[in-house]
Amino acid sequence: MPCSSVKLTSSKWRRAGLGVRKPVRRVLAAVLLAAACAGCSPKEVPYGDDITSWRAEKDQFMRESADSPVPAADRAAFPQLSYFPVAPDYRVPAELSVAPSDTTLAIPTSNGQPRVHRRVGTLRFTLKGQPLALTAFVEVGQEDMRRLFVPFGDLTNGTESYPGGRYLELDRTATGIYDLDFNRAFHPFCYYNPVYDCPYPPRENRLAVPVRAGEKMGPAGHK
């Protein structure tokens, strides 16, 4: 889980370089494209609309949920979150190479107390023509093992996005192929409230590229 205040965590809003093997990447890219675009029926939601809806749901959570990291007195007036424009080219297929089950890492956090996570494996993907990789984790002691925690840093940190990095959460798949969508990247709860304890991306998950997709800081760092 990404953030905690005395181990209070959020599971819903939490979600380095060889590329995916080309045959796998081409096949999955075709599948994703077909699912998002081809032959859309009236009941299917276009990709851009789906992201917009997801963001509206996050705004509602921040303002109305008892689990919101925003202090209760500030929730009603909390502004909409800021995002980079939706960019479909920041949604890419990734292949998970599974790590040995006993591989763990003590990840530094915003309160200075490392939290131990298990490396599930390495997600290998290609972004804008560049082969990259990110390690996927689950926190040791976490009961729900159905989601992967992918904290990452990139060259927008400190200028366009939170200096402490951002998060992705991925539902586990049986195939080892994942839909890695940086348009769904979000800031940890400690960005909104310093009482939360949030893991920082480890060195292996700091990308040497800018990822201008997903949540960003508002004007002058305003959330």
Protein backbone atom coordinates (compact mmCIF):
# COMPACT_ATOMS: atom_id res chain seq x y z
CA MET A 1 0.00 0.00 0.00
CA PRO A 2 1.32 3.44 -0.81
CA CYS A 3 0.63 5.71 2.12
CA SER A 4 -0.30 5.36 5.74
CA SER A 5 -1.02 7.41 8.82
CA VAL A 6 -0.31 5.07 11.72
CA LYS A 7 -0.63 2.29 9.13
CA LEU A 8 -3.80 3.79 7.64
CA THR A 9 -3.62 2.87 3.97
CA SER A 10 -5.49 3.47 0.74
CA SER A 11 -5.74 0.50 -1.60
CA LYS A 12 -7.76 2.05 -4.39
CA TRP A 13 -5.68 5.12 -5.19
CA ARG A 14 -2.24 3.61 -4.96
CA ARG A 15 -1.84 1.44 -7.57
CA ALA A 16 14.70 -0.02 -15.08
CA GLY A 17 16.04 -0.95 -19.07
CA LEU A 18 15.09 -3.65 -21.49
CA GLY A 19 12.07 -3.51 -23.78
CA VAL A 20 9.25 -6.01 -24.10
CA ARG A 21 10.01 -8.66 -26.67
CA LYS A 22 8.74 -7.30 -29.96
CA PRO A 23 6.31 -10.12 -30.87
CA VAL A 24 4.63 -9.84 -27.47
CA ARG A 25 4.53 -6.06 -27.67
CA ARG A 26 2.99 -6.01 -31.14
CA VAL A 27 0.31 -8.57 -30.25
CA LEU A 28 -0.69 -6.85 -27.01
CA ALA A 29 -0.60 -3.41 -28.59
CA ALA A 30 -3.02 -4.65 -31.24
CA VAL A 31 -5.30 -6.12 -28.58
CA LEU A 32 -5.28 -2.90 -26.56
CA LEU A 33 -5.95 -0.81 -29.63
CA ALA A 34 -8.83 -3.03 -30.67
CA ALA A 35 -10.33 -2.92 -27.19
CA ALA A 36 -10.04 0.86 -26.99
CA CYS A 37 -11.03 1.90 -30.50
CA ALA A 38 -12.21 -0.65 -33.03
CA GLY A 39 -15.92 -1.15 -33.52
CA CYS A 40 -16.99 0.69 -30.39
CA SER A 41 -20.58 -0.05 -29.52
CA PRO A 42 -22.79 2.57 -27.82
CA LYS A 43 -22.12 0.85 -24.48
CA GLU A 44 -18.35 1.05 -24.79
CA VAL A 45 -16.57 4.08 -23.38
CA PRO A 46 -13.83 5.69 -25.51
CA TYR A 47 -10.44 5.71 -23.83
CA GLY A 48 -10.32 9.47 -23.28
CA ASP A 49 -13.76 9.47 -21.70
CA ASP A 50 -12.77 6.57 -19.46
CA ILE A 51 -9.76 8.49 -18.13
CA THR A 52 -11.89 11.60 -17.63
CA SER A 53 -14.42 9.57 -15.65
CA TRP A 54 -11.64 7.99 -13.57
CA ARG A 55 -10.29 11.44 -12.72
CA ALA A 56 -13.75 12.73 -11.77
CA GLU A 57 -14.15 9.77 -9.44
CA LYS A 58 -10.82 10.62 -7.81
CA ASP A 59 -11.92 14.23 -7.31
CA GLN A 60 -15.12 13.03 -5.66
CA PHE A 61 -13.13 10.71 -3.41
CA MET A 62 -10.85 13.55 -2.32
CA ARG A 63 -13.77 15.85 -1.45
CA GLU A 64 -16.31 13.42 -0.02
CA SER A 65 -14.77 10.17 1.23
CA ALA A 66 -14.02 9.58 4.89
CA ASP A 67 -10.80 7.94 3.63
CA SER A 68 -9.66 11.07 1.79
CA PRO A 69 -6.21 12.30 2.81
CA VAL A 70 -7.51 15.89 2.72
CA PRO A 71 -8.29 17.18 6.23
CA ALA A 72 -12.06 17.04 6.81
CA ALA A 73 -12.38 20.80 7.22
CA ASP A 74 -10.80 21.38 3.79
CA ARG A 75 -12.61 18.76 1.73
CA ALA A 76 -15.63 20.72 0.55
CA ALA A 77 -13.45 23.45 -0.96
CA PHE A 78 -10.74 21.12 -2.28
CA PRO A 79 -10.12 21.97 -5.98
CA GLN A 80 -9.99 19.56 -8.86
CA LEU A 81 -6.70 17.74 -9.17
CA SER A 82 -4.30 18.79 -11.93
CA TYR A 83 -3.32 16.43 -14.74
CA PHE A 84 -1.27 16.34 -17.89
CA PRO A 85 -3.46 16.06 -21.01
CA VAL A 86 -4.60 12.51 -21.76
CA ALA A 87 -1.89 10.98 -23.96
CA PRO A 88 -2.61 7.51 -25.40
CA ASP A 89 1.09 7.02 -26.25
CA TYR A 90 1.78 6.83 -22.50
CA ARG A 91 -0.33 3.67 -22.33
CA VAL A 92 1.90 0.73 -23.24
CA PRO A 93 2.04 -3.05 -22.81
CA ALA A 94 4.52 -4.37 -20.26
CA GLU A 95 5.80 -7.88 -19.62
CA LEU A 96 6.46 -8.99 -16.05
CA SER A 97 9.60 -11.02 -15.39
CA VAL A 98 8.95 -12.68 -12.03
CA ALA A 99 11.57 -12.24 -9.30
CA PRO A 100 12.53 -14.90 -6.72
CA SER A 101 9.84 -15.01 -4.05
CA ASP A 102 12.20 -14.12 -1.21
CA THR A 103 13.57 -10.90 -2.76
CA THR A 104 12.72 -7.91 -0.56
CA LEU A 105 13.68 -4.26 -0.38
CA ALA A 106 13.39 -1.74 2.47
CA ILE A 107 11.92 1.28 0.67
CA PRO A 108 12.50 4.74 2.20
CA THR A 109 9.40 6.69 3.16
CA SER A 110 8.35 10.27 3.81
CA ASN A 111 8.62 9.84 7.59
CA GLY A 112 12.09 8.32 7.41
CA GLN A 113 11.04 4.82 8.47
CA PRO A 114 11.68 2.30 5.66
CA ARG A 115 8.94 -0.19 4.86
CA VAL A 116 9.82 -3.64 3.56
CA HIS A 117 8.37 -4.64 0.20
CA ARG A 118 8.72 -7.83 -1.79
CA ARG A 119 9.87 -7.55 -5.38
CA VAL A 120 7.25 -9.33 -7.48
CA GLY A 121 9.16 -8.81 -10.68
CA THR A 122 10.30 -6.40 -13.36
CA LEU A 123 7.91 -4.78 -15.82
CA ARG A 124 9.71 -4.31 -19.14
CA PHE A 125 8.20 -1.95 -21.70
CA THR A 126 8.99 0.57 -24.40
CA LEU A 127 7.94 4.20 -23.99
CA LYS A 128 8.30 6.60 -26.91
CA GLY A 129 10.79 4.23 -28.53
CA GLN A 130 12.97 3.83 -25.43
CA PRO A 131 13.23 0.47 -23.61
CA LEU A 132 12.57 0.91 -19.89
CA ALA A 133 11.71 -1.15 -16.84
CA LEU A 134 10.08 -0.72 -13.44
CA THR A 135 10.03 -3.05 -10.46
CA ALA A 136 6.59 -4.08 -9.17
CA PHE A 137 6.15 -4.66 -5.43
CA VAL A 138 3.77 -5.82 -2.75
CA GLU A 139 4.32 -4.72 0.82
CA VAL A 140 5.45 -7.46 3.18
CA GLY A 141 2.58 -8.32 5.50
CA GLN A 142 -0.06 -7.01 3.12
CA GLU A 143 -3.02 -9.37 2.97
CA ASP A 144 -4.32 -8.41 -0.48
CA MET A 145 -1.84 -9.76 -3.02
CA ARG A 146 -4.06 -9.12 -6.05
CA ARG A 147 -2.52 -5.74 -6.91
CA LEU A 148 0.98 -4.64 -7.79
CA PHE A 149 2.46 -1.45 -6.37
CA VAL A 150 4.65 0.43 -8.86
CA PRO A 151 6.19 3.61 -7.41
CA PHE A 152 8.21 5.56 -9.96
CA GLY A 153 10.19 8.73 -10.37
CA ASP A 154 10.89 10.61 -13.59
CA LEU A 155 12.36 13.89 -14.83
CA THR A 156 9.16 15.84 -14.12
CA ASN A 157 9.59 15.34 -10.34
CA GLY A 158 10.10 18.61 -8.51
CA THR A 159 9.04 20.81 -11.42
CA GLU A 160 5.83 19.42 -12.90
CA SER A 161 5.02 16.60 -10.48
CA TYR A 162 5.57 15.85 -6.81
CA PRO A 163 9.30 15.64 -5.93
CA GLY A 164 8.67 12.35 -4.12
CA GLY A 165 7.45 10.59 -7.26
CA ARG A 166 4.14 9.06 -8.29
CA TYR A 167 2.41 5.69 -8.14
CA LEU A 168 0.71 3.17 -10.38
CA GLU A 169 -1.38 0.22 -9.20
CA LEU A 170 -1.93 -2.78 -11.43
CA ASP A 171 -4.31 -5.70 -11.05
CA ARG A 172 -2.49 -9.02 -11.22
CA THR A 173 -2.82 -10.96 -14.47
CA ALA A 174 -2.38 -14.65 -15.21
CA THR A 175 -0.51 -13.94 -18.44
CA GLY A 176 2.24 -11.72 -17.07
CA ILE A 177 1.29 -9.04 -19.61
CA TYR A 178 0.14 -5.73 -18.15
CA ASP A 179 -1.58 -2.60 -19.44
CA LEU A 180 0.84 0.04 -18.14
CA ASP A 181 -1.05 3.32 -18.31
CA PHE A 182 0.83 6.38 -17.06
CA ASN A 183 -2.32 8.46 -17.62
CA ARG A 184 -3.46 6.82 -14.37
CA ALA A 185 -0.32 7.79 -12.42
CA PHE A 186 -1.16 9.58 -9.18
CA HIS A 187 0.50 11.37 -6.30
CA PRO A 188 0.91 9.69 -2.90
CA PHE A 189 -1.30 10.83 -0.03
CA CYS A 190 1.58 12.62 1.70
CA TYR A 191 1.44 15.18 -1.11
CA TYR A 192 -1.91 16.33 0.28
CA ASN A 193 -1.32 15.73 3.98
CA PRO A 194 2.07 15.29 5.74
CA VAL A 195 0.63 12.98 8.41
CA TYR A 196 0.66 10.18 5.85
CA ASP A 197 3.68 7.93 5.49
CA CYS A 198 4.42 7.26 1.83
CA PRO A 199 7.12 5.13 0.20
CA TYR A 200 9.45 6.92 -2.20
CA PRO A 201 10.41 5.25 -5.49
CA PRO A 202 13.59 3.23 -5.01
CA ARG A 203 16.60 3.99 -7.20
CA GLU A 204 15.73 1.17 -9.63
CA ASN A 205 12.36 2.84 -10.36
CA ARG A 206 13.67 6.29 -11.20
CA LEU A 207 13.24 6.76 -14.92
CA ALA A 208 15.73 8.99 -16.74
CA VAL A 209 12.94 10.37 -18.94
CA PRO A 210 10.08 12.82 -18.37
CA VAL A 211 6.66 11.16 -18.03
CA ARG A 212 4.20 13.91 -18.91
CA ALA A 213 1.09 11.90 -18.22
CA GLY A 214 -1.10 11.38 -15.18
CA GLU A 215 -1.35 13.65 -12.15
CA LYS A 216 0.78 16.78 -11.92
CA MET A 217 1.21 19.69 -9.56
CA GLY A 218 -1.07 22.65 -10.02
CA PRO A 219 0.13 26.24 -10.48
CA ALA A 220 2.91 27.11 -8.03
CA GLY A 221 2.67 23.59 -6.64
CA HIS A 222 -1.01 24.03 -5.71
CA LYS A 223 -2.69 20.67 -5.49
